[in-house]
Amino acid sequence: QVRLVESGGGLVQAGGSLRLSCVASGTIFSIDTMYWYRQATGKQRELVAQISGTSTYYADSVKGRFTISRDNAKNTVYLQMNSLKPEDTAVYSCNLVRASGYNYWGQGTQVTVSS
């Protein structure tokens, strides 16, 4: 069993930056895929970014503004969010999917961007 704990959320003005962290209680391997999702109030959960090995993917809505990275030695995945917009307001959650298929979720961290 792996526990994921997100941190780094908060209230920021539009145009500002935040860095989210997701720390795993167990080892994260390079072959594991890590995802950042977000869910705004009243909306469906959407994939924001993912990283597998050194390959990354970004939703069009965040491309060029957000950067996902990982530090396997620290069992941590980051989401650097720049040029934040009010529409980025959501609960952000990390998700670990092992190559074996095991799937783990964090509890989420709130990001609020004021205009």
N, C-alpha and C. Protein backbone atom coordinates (compact mmCIF):
# COMPACT_ATOMS: atom_id res chain seq x y z
N GLN A 1 0.84 -1.19 0.00
CA GLN A 1 0.00 0.00 0.00
C GLN A 1 0.88 1.24 0.00
N VAL A 2 0.52 2.20 -0.84
CA VAL A 2 1.27 3.45 -0.94
C VAL A 2 0.34 4.59 -0.58
N ARG A 3 0.81 5.48 0.23
CA ARG A 3 0.04 6.68 0.58
C ARG A 3 0.66 7.87 -0.14
N LEU A 4 -0.22 8.66 -0.78
CA LEU A 4 0.23 9.86 -1.48
C LEU A 4 -0.29 11.08 -0.73
N VAL A 5 0.59 12.04 -0.50
CA VAL A 5 0.20 13.25 0.21
C VAL A 5 0.60 14.46 -0.63
N GLU A 6 -0.41 15.23 -1.02
CA GLU A 6 -0.16 16.45 -1.78
C GLU A 6 -0.02 17.65 -0.85
N SER A 7 0.73 18.62 -1.30
CA SER A 7 0.86 19.88 -0.58
C SER A 7 1.22 20.98 -1.57
N GLY A 8 1.15 22.21 -1.09
CA GLY A 8 1.55 23.33 -1.92
C GLY A 8 0.42 24.15 -2.48
N GLY A 9 -0.81 23.69 -2.26
CA GLY A 9 -1.94 24.47 -2.74
C GLY A 9 -2.13 25.73 -1.91
N GLY A 10 -3.04 26.57 -2.36
CA GLY A 10 -3.33 27.79 -1.63
C GLY A 10 -4.04 28.79 -2.49
N LEU A 11 -4.07 30.02 -1.99
CA LEU A 11 -4.73 31.13 -2.69
C LEU A 11 -3.65 31.99 -3.34
N VAL A 12 -3.82 32.27 -4.61
CA VAL A 12 -2.85 33.08 -5.34
C VAL A 12 -3.59 33.98 -6.32
N GLN A 13 -3.01 35.12 -6.61
CA GLN A 13 -3.61 36.02 -7.59
C GLN A 13 -3.33 35.54 -9.00
N ALA A 14 -4.18 35.90 -9.90
CA ALA A 14 -3.97 35.56 -11.31
C ALA A 14 -2.61 36.06 -11.76
N GLY A 15 -1.92 35.21 -12.51
CA GLY A 15 -0.57 35.53 -12.95
C GLY A 15 0.51 34.99 -12.03
N GLY A 16 0.10 34.54 -10.85
CA GLY A 16 1.05 34.03 -9.89
C GLY A 16 1.44 32.58 -10.14
N SER A 17 2.23 32.05 -9.22
CA SER A 17 2.74 30.69 -9.36
C SER A 17 2.56 29.90 -8.06
N LEU A 18 2.45 28.61 -8.23
CA LEU A 18 2.45 27.68 -7.10
C LEU A 18 3.19 26.43 -7.54
N ARG A 19 3.78 25.74 -6.58
CA ARG A 19 4.37 24.44 -6.87
C ARG A 19 3.73 23.41 -5.96
N LEU A 20 3.08 22.45 -6.58
CA LEU A 20 2.48 21.36 -5.84
C LEU A 20 3.47 20.21 -5.72
N SER A 21 3.41 19.54 -4.59
CA SER A 21 4.23 18.36 -4.36
C SER A 21 3.34 17.19 -4.02
N CYS A 22 3.76 16.02 -4.42
CA CYS A 22 3.07 14.78 -4.10
C CYS A 22 4.13 13.81 -3.62
N VAL A 23 4.09 13.51 -2.33
CA VAL A 23 5.08 12.62 -1.74
C VAL A 23 4.46 11.25 -1.51
N ALA A 24 5.17 10.23 -1.97
CA ALA A 24 4.69 8.86 -1.79
C ALA A 24 5.37 8.21 -0.60
N SER A 25 4.60 7.41 0.14
CA SER A 25 5.16 6.73 1.30
C SER A 25 6.03 5.55 0.89
N GLY A 26 5.87 5.11 -0.36
CA GLY A 26 6.67 4.02 -0.86
C GLY A 26 7.54 4.47 -2.03
N THR A 27 8.27 3.56 -2.58
CA THR A 27 9.19 3.88 -3.67
C THR A 27 8.42 4.13 -4.96
N ILE A 28 8.81 5.18 -5.65
CA ILE A 28 8.30 5.45 -6.99
C ILE A 28 9.37 5.02 -7.98
N PHE A 29 9.01 4.17 -8.89
CA PHE A 29 9.96 3.69 -9.89
C PHE A 29 9.79 4.47 -11.18
N SER A 30 10.87 4.52 -11.95
CA SER A 30 10.83 5.29 -13.19
C SER A 30 9.75 4.78 -14.14
N ILE A 31 9.45 3.49 -14.08
CA ILE A 31 8.46 2.93 -14.99
C ILE A 31 7.03 3.20 -14.53
N ASP A 32 6.89 3.70 -13.29
CA ASP A 32 5.55 4.06 -12.84
C ASP A 32 5.12 5.35 -13.52
N THR A 33 3.82 5.49 -13.71
CA THR A 33 3.29 6.72 -14.28
C THR A 33 2.64 7.53 -13.18
N MET A 34 2.97 8.80 -13.14
CA MET A 34 2.38 9.71 -12.17
C MET A 34 1.51 10.73 -12.90
N TYR A 35 0.36 10.97 -12.36
CA TYR A 35 -0.59 11.91 -12.96
C TYR A 35 -0.95 13.00 -11.95
N TRP A 36 -1.23 14.16 -12.49
CA TRP A 36 -1.90 15.22 -11.75
C TRP A 36 -3.26 15.44 -12.41
N TYR A 37 -4.30 15.35 -11.60
CA TYR A 37 -5.65 15.64 -12.05
C TYR A 37 -6.16 16.86 -11.28
N ARG A 38 -7.20 17.45 -11.80
CA ARG A 38 -7.89 18.50 -11.06
C ARG A 38 -9.38 18.37 -11.26
N GLN A 39 -10.10 18.86 -10.25
CA GLN A 39 -11.56 18.87 -10.35
C GLN A 39 -12.07 20.16 -9.77
N ALA A 40 -12.69 20.95 -10.61
CA ALA A 40 -13.33 22.18 -10.16
C ALA A 40 -14.74 21.87 -9.70
N THR A 41 -15.27 22.73 -8.87
CA THR A 41 -16.61 22.53 -8.34
C THR A 41 -17.62 22.44 -9.47
N GLY A 42 -18.39 21.38 -9.45
CA GLY A 42 -19.42 21.20 -10.45
C GLY A 42 -18.94 20.70 -11.79
N LYS A 43 -17.66 20.37 -11.88
CA LYS A 43 -17.11 19.90 -13.15
C LYS A 43 -16.50 18.51 -12.98
N GLN A 44 -16.29 17.85 -14.11
CA GLN A 44 -15.67 16.53 -14.08
C GLN A 44 -14.17 16.66 -13.83
N ARG A 45 -13.62 15.62 -13.28
CA ARG A 45 -12.18 15.57 -13.08
C ARG A 45 -11.49 15.54 -14.43
N GLU A 46 -10.40 16.30 -14.53
CA GLU A 46 -9.67 16.32 -15.79
C GLU A 46 -8.18 16.07 -15.54
N LEU A 47 -7.57 15.41 -16.49
CA LEU A 47 -6.14 15.16 -16.44
C LEU A 47 -5.40 16.44 -16.79
N VAL A 48 -4.47 16.81 -15.93
CA VAL A 48 -3.68 18.02 -16.14
C VAL A 48 -2.34 17.69 -16.76
N ALA A 49 -1.65 16.71 -16.17
CA ALA A 49 -0.31 16.36 -16.65
C ALA A 49 0.02 14.96 -16.20
N GLN A 50 0.94 14.33 -16.92
CA GLN A 50 1.43 13.01 -16.52
C GLN A 50 2.89 12.88 -16.88
N ILE A 51 3.55 12.00 -16.15
CA ILE A 51 4.96 11.74 -16.43
C ILE A 51 5.22 10.25 -16.25
N SER A 52 5.91 9.69 -17.24
CA SER A 52 6.28 8.29 -17.21
C SER A 52 7.72 8.21 -17.70
N GLY A 53 8.62 7.80 -16.83
CA GLY A 53 10.03 7.91 -17.19
C GLY A 53 10.37 9.37 -17.38
N THR A 54 10.80 9.71 -18.57
CA THR A 54 11.09 11.11 -18.89
C THR A 54 10.05 11.70 -19.84
N SER A 55 9.05 10.91 -20.19
CA SER A 55 8.01 11.38 -21.10
C SER A 55 6.92 12.10 -20.32
N THR A 56 6.48 13.21 -20.87
CA THR A 56 5.44 14.00 -20.22
C THR A 56 4.30 14.29 -21.18
N TYR A 57 3.16 14.58 -20.57
CA TYR A 57 1.96 14.97 -21.32
C TYR A 57 1.29 16.09 -20.55
N TYR A 58 0.74 17.05 -21.30
CA TYR A 58 0.00 18.16 -20.68
C TYR A 58 -1.32 18.37 -21.40
N ALA A 59 -2.30 18.70 -20.62
CA ALA A 59 -3.56 19.13 -21.22
C ALA A 59 -3.31 20.44 -21.96
N ASP A 60 -4.06 20.65 -23.02
CA ASP A 60 -3.88 21.87 -23.82
C ASP A 60 -4.07 23.12 -22.97
N SER A 61 -4.95 23.03 -22.00
CA SER A 61 -5.28 24.21 -21.19
C SER A 61 -4.13 24.67 -20.30
N VAL A 62 -3.15 23.79 -20.07
CA VAL A 62 -2.04 24.16 -19.18
C VAL A 62 -0.68 24.13 -19.89
N LYS A 63 -0.68 23.69 -21.13
CA LYS A 63 0.57 23.56 -21.87
C LYS A 63 1.28 24.90 -21.93
N GLY A 64 2.57 24.89 -21.62
CA GLY A 64 3.37 26.11 -21.64
C GLY A 64 3.34 26.87 -20.32
N ARG A 65 2.44 26.49 -19.42
CA ARG A 65 2.34 27.16 -18.12
C ARG A 65 2.70 26.23 -16.96
N PHE A 66 2.37 24.96 -17.10
CA PHE A 66 2.61 23.99 -16.03
C PHE A 66 3.76 23.06 -16.44
N THR A 67 4.50 22.60 -15.43
CA THR A 67 5.58 21.64 -15.67
C THR A 67 5.52 20.54 -14.62
N ILE A 68 5.46 19.30 -15.09
CA ILE A 68 5.48 18.17 -14.18
C ILE A 68 6.91 17.62 -14.14
N SER A 69 7.33 17.23 -12.95
CA SER A 69 8.67 16.66 -12.80
C SER A 69 8.64 15.66 -11.65
N ARG A 70 9.67 14.87 -11.57
CA ARG A 70 9.72 13.86 -10.51
C ARG A 70 11.12 13.76 -9.96
N ASP A 71 11.19 13.43 -8.69
CA ASP A 71 12.46 13.15 -8.03
C ASP A 71 12.30 11.78 -7.39
N ASN A 72 12.74 10.76 -8.10
CA ASN A 72 12.53 9.40 -7.61
C ASN A 72 13.26 9.15 -6.29
N ALA A 73 14.38 9.81 -6.10
CA ALA A 73 15.13 9.63 -4.85
C ALA A 73 14.31 10.11 -3.65
N LYS A 74 13.45 11.09 -3.89
CA LYS A 74 12.61 11.62 -2.82
C LYS A 74 11.19 11.09 -2.89
N ASN A 75 10.94 10.19 -3.85
CA ASN A 75 9.59 9.64 -4.04
C ASN A 75 8.55 10.76 -4.16
N THR A 76 8.90 11.75 -4.94
CA THR A 76 8.08 12.96 -5.03
C THR A 76 7.88 13.36 -6.48
N VAL A 77 6.66 13.80 -6.77
CA VAL A 77 6.33 14.37 -8.06
C VAL A 77 5.87 15.81 -7.82
N TYR A 78 6.26 16.69 -8.72
CA TYR A 78 5.94 18.10 -8.58
C TYR A 78 5.08 18.57 -9.75
N LEU A 79 4.34 19.62 -9.49
CA LEU A 79 3.63 20.31 -10.57
C LEU A 79 3.89 21.80 -10.36
N GLN A 80 4.76 22.34 -11.19
CA GLN A 80 5.04 23.78 -11.15
C GLN A 80 3.99 24.48 -12.01
N MET A 81 3.28 25.40 -11.41
CA MET A 81 2.19 26.07 -12.10
C MET A 81 2.50 27.57 -12.17
N ASN A 82 2.68 28.05 -13.36
CA ASN A 82 2.97 29.47 -13.58
C ASN A 82 1.83 30.13 -14.34
N SER A 83 1.82 31.44 -14.32
CA SER A 83 0.80 32.22 -15.04
C SER A 83 -0.59 31.70 -14.75
N LEU A 84 -0.87 31.50 -13.49
CA LEU A 84 -2.15 30.92 -13.09
C LEU A 84 -3.32 31.81 -13.47
N LYS A 85 -4.42 31.16 -13.81
CA LYS A 85 -5.65 31.84 -14.21
C LYS A 85 -6.77 31.43 -13.27
N PRO A 86 -7.79 32.26 -13.16
CA PRO A 86 -8.93 31.88 -12.30
C PRO A 86 -9.52 30.51 -12.67
N GLU A 87 -9.49 30.17 -13.94
CA GLU A 87 -10.04 28.88 -14.36
C GLU A 87 -9.17 27.69 -13.96
N ASP A 88 -8.00 27.94 -13.38
CA ASP A 88 -7.19 26.87 -12.83
C ASP A 88 -7.63 26.48 -11.42
N THR A 89 -8.56 27.23 -10.86
CA THR A 89 -9.07 26.94 -9.53
C THR A 89 -9.71 25.55 -9.49
N ALA A 90 -9.23 24.71 -8.57
CA ALA A 90 -9.71 23.33 -8.49
C ALA A 90 -9.00 22.63 -7.33
N VAL A 91 -9.47 21.44 -7.04
CA VAL A 91 -8.73 20.54 -6.17
C VAL A 91 -7.82 19.71 -7.05
N TYR A 92 -6.54 19.74 -6.74
CA TYR A 92 -5.54 19.01 -7.52
C TYR A 92 -5.13 17.75 -6.76
N SER A 93 -5.17 16.63 -7.48
CA SER A 93 -4.84 15.34 -6.87
C SER A 93 -3.79 14.62 -7.68
N CYS A 94 -2.93 13.91 -6.98
CA CYS A 94 -1.96 13.10 -7.72
C CYS A 94 -2.39 11.64 -7.70
N ASN A 95 -1.94 10.93 -8.71
CA ASN A 95 -2.33 9.56 -8.93
C ASN A 95 -1.09 8.78 -9.38
N LEU A 96 -0.86 7.68 -8.71
CA LEU A 96 0.27 6.81 -9.06
C LEU A 96 -0.29 5.52 -9.65
N VAL A 97 0.16 5.17 -10.82
CA VAL A 97 -0.22 3.90 -11.43
C VAL A 97 1.05 3.10 -11.66
N ARG A 98 1.14 2.00 -10.94
CA ARG A 98 2.30 1.13 -11.07
C ARG A 98 2.26 0.41 -12.41
N ALA A 99 3.41 -0.03 -12.85
CA ALA A 99 3.46 -0.85 -14.07
C ALA A 99 2.64 -2.13 -13.88
N SER A 100 2.50 -2.56 -12.63
CA SER A 100 1.70 -3.76 -12.33
C SER A 100 0.21 -3.49 -12.40
N GLY A 101 -0.16 -2.20 -12.44
CA GLY A 101 -1.57 -1.84 -12.51
C GLY A 101 -2.14 -1.31 -11.21
N TYR A 102 -1.41 -1.45 -10.11
CA TYR A 102 -1.92 -0.90 -8.86
C TYR A 102 -2.04 0.62 -8.98
N ASN A 103 -3.06 1.14 -8.37
CA ASN A 103 -3.47 2.52 -8.57
C ASN A 103 -3.67 3.18 -7.21
N TYR A 104 -3.04 4.33 -6.99
CA TYR A 104 -3.14 5.01 -5.70
C TYR A 104 -3.46 6.49 -5.93
N TRP A 105 -4.22 7.05 -4.99
CA TRP A 105 -4.63 8.45 -5.08
C TRP A 105 -4.29 9.19 -3.80
N GLY A 106 -3.97 10.48 -3.96
CA GLY A 106 -3.83 11.35 -2.81
C GLY A 106 -5.17 11.96 -2.46
N GLN A 107 -5.18 12.75 -1.39
CA GLN A 107 -6.44 13.33 -0.91
C GLN A 107 -6.76 14.64 -1.60
N GLY A 108 -5.78 15.22 -2.26
CA GLY A 108 -6.00 16.47 -2.99
C GLY A 108 -5.58 17.70 -2.21
N THR A 109 -5.28 18.75 -2.96
CA THR A 109 -4.94 20.04 -2.37
C THR A 109 -5.66 21.14 -3.16
N GLN A 110 -6.22 22.09 -2.44
CA GLN A 110 -7.02 23.12 -3.09
C GLN A 110 -6.14 24.22 -3.65
N VAL A 111 -6.39 24.58 -4.88
CA VAL A 111 -5.75 25.72 -5.52
C VAL A 111 -6.84 26.71 -5.89
N THR A 112 -6.70 27.93 -5.41
CA THR A 112 -7.67 28.98 -5.70
C THR A 112 -6.93 30.16 -6.30
N VAL A 113 -7.36 30.57 -7.49
CA VAL A 113 -6.73 31.68 -8.19
C VAL A 113 -7.74 32.82 -8.26
N SER A 114 -7.39 33.93 -7.67
CA SER A 114 -8.29 35.08 -7.66
C SER A 114 -7.99 36.00 -8.84
N SER A 115 -9.02 36.66 -9.31
CA SER A 115 -8.84 37.55 -10.48
C SER A 115 -8.52 38.97 -10.04
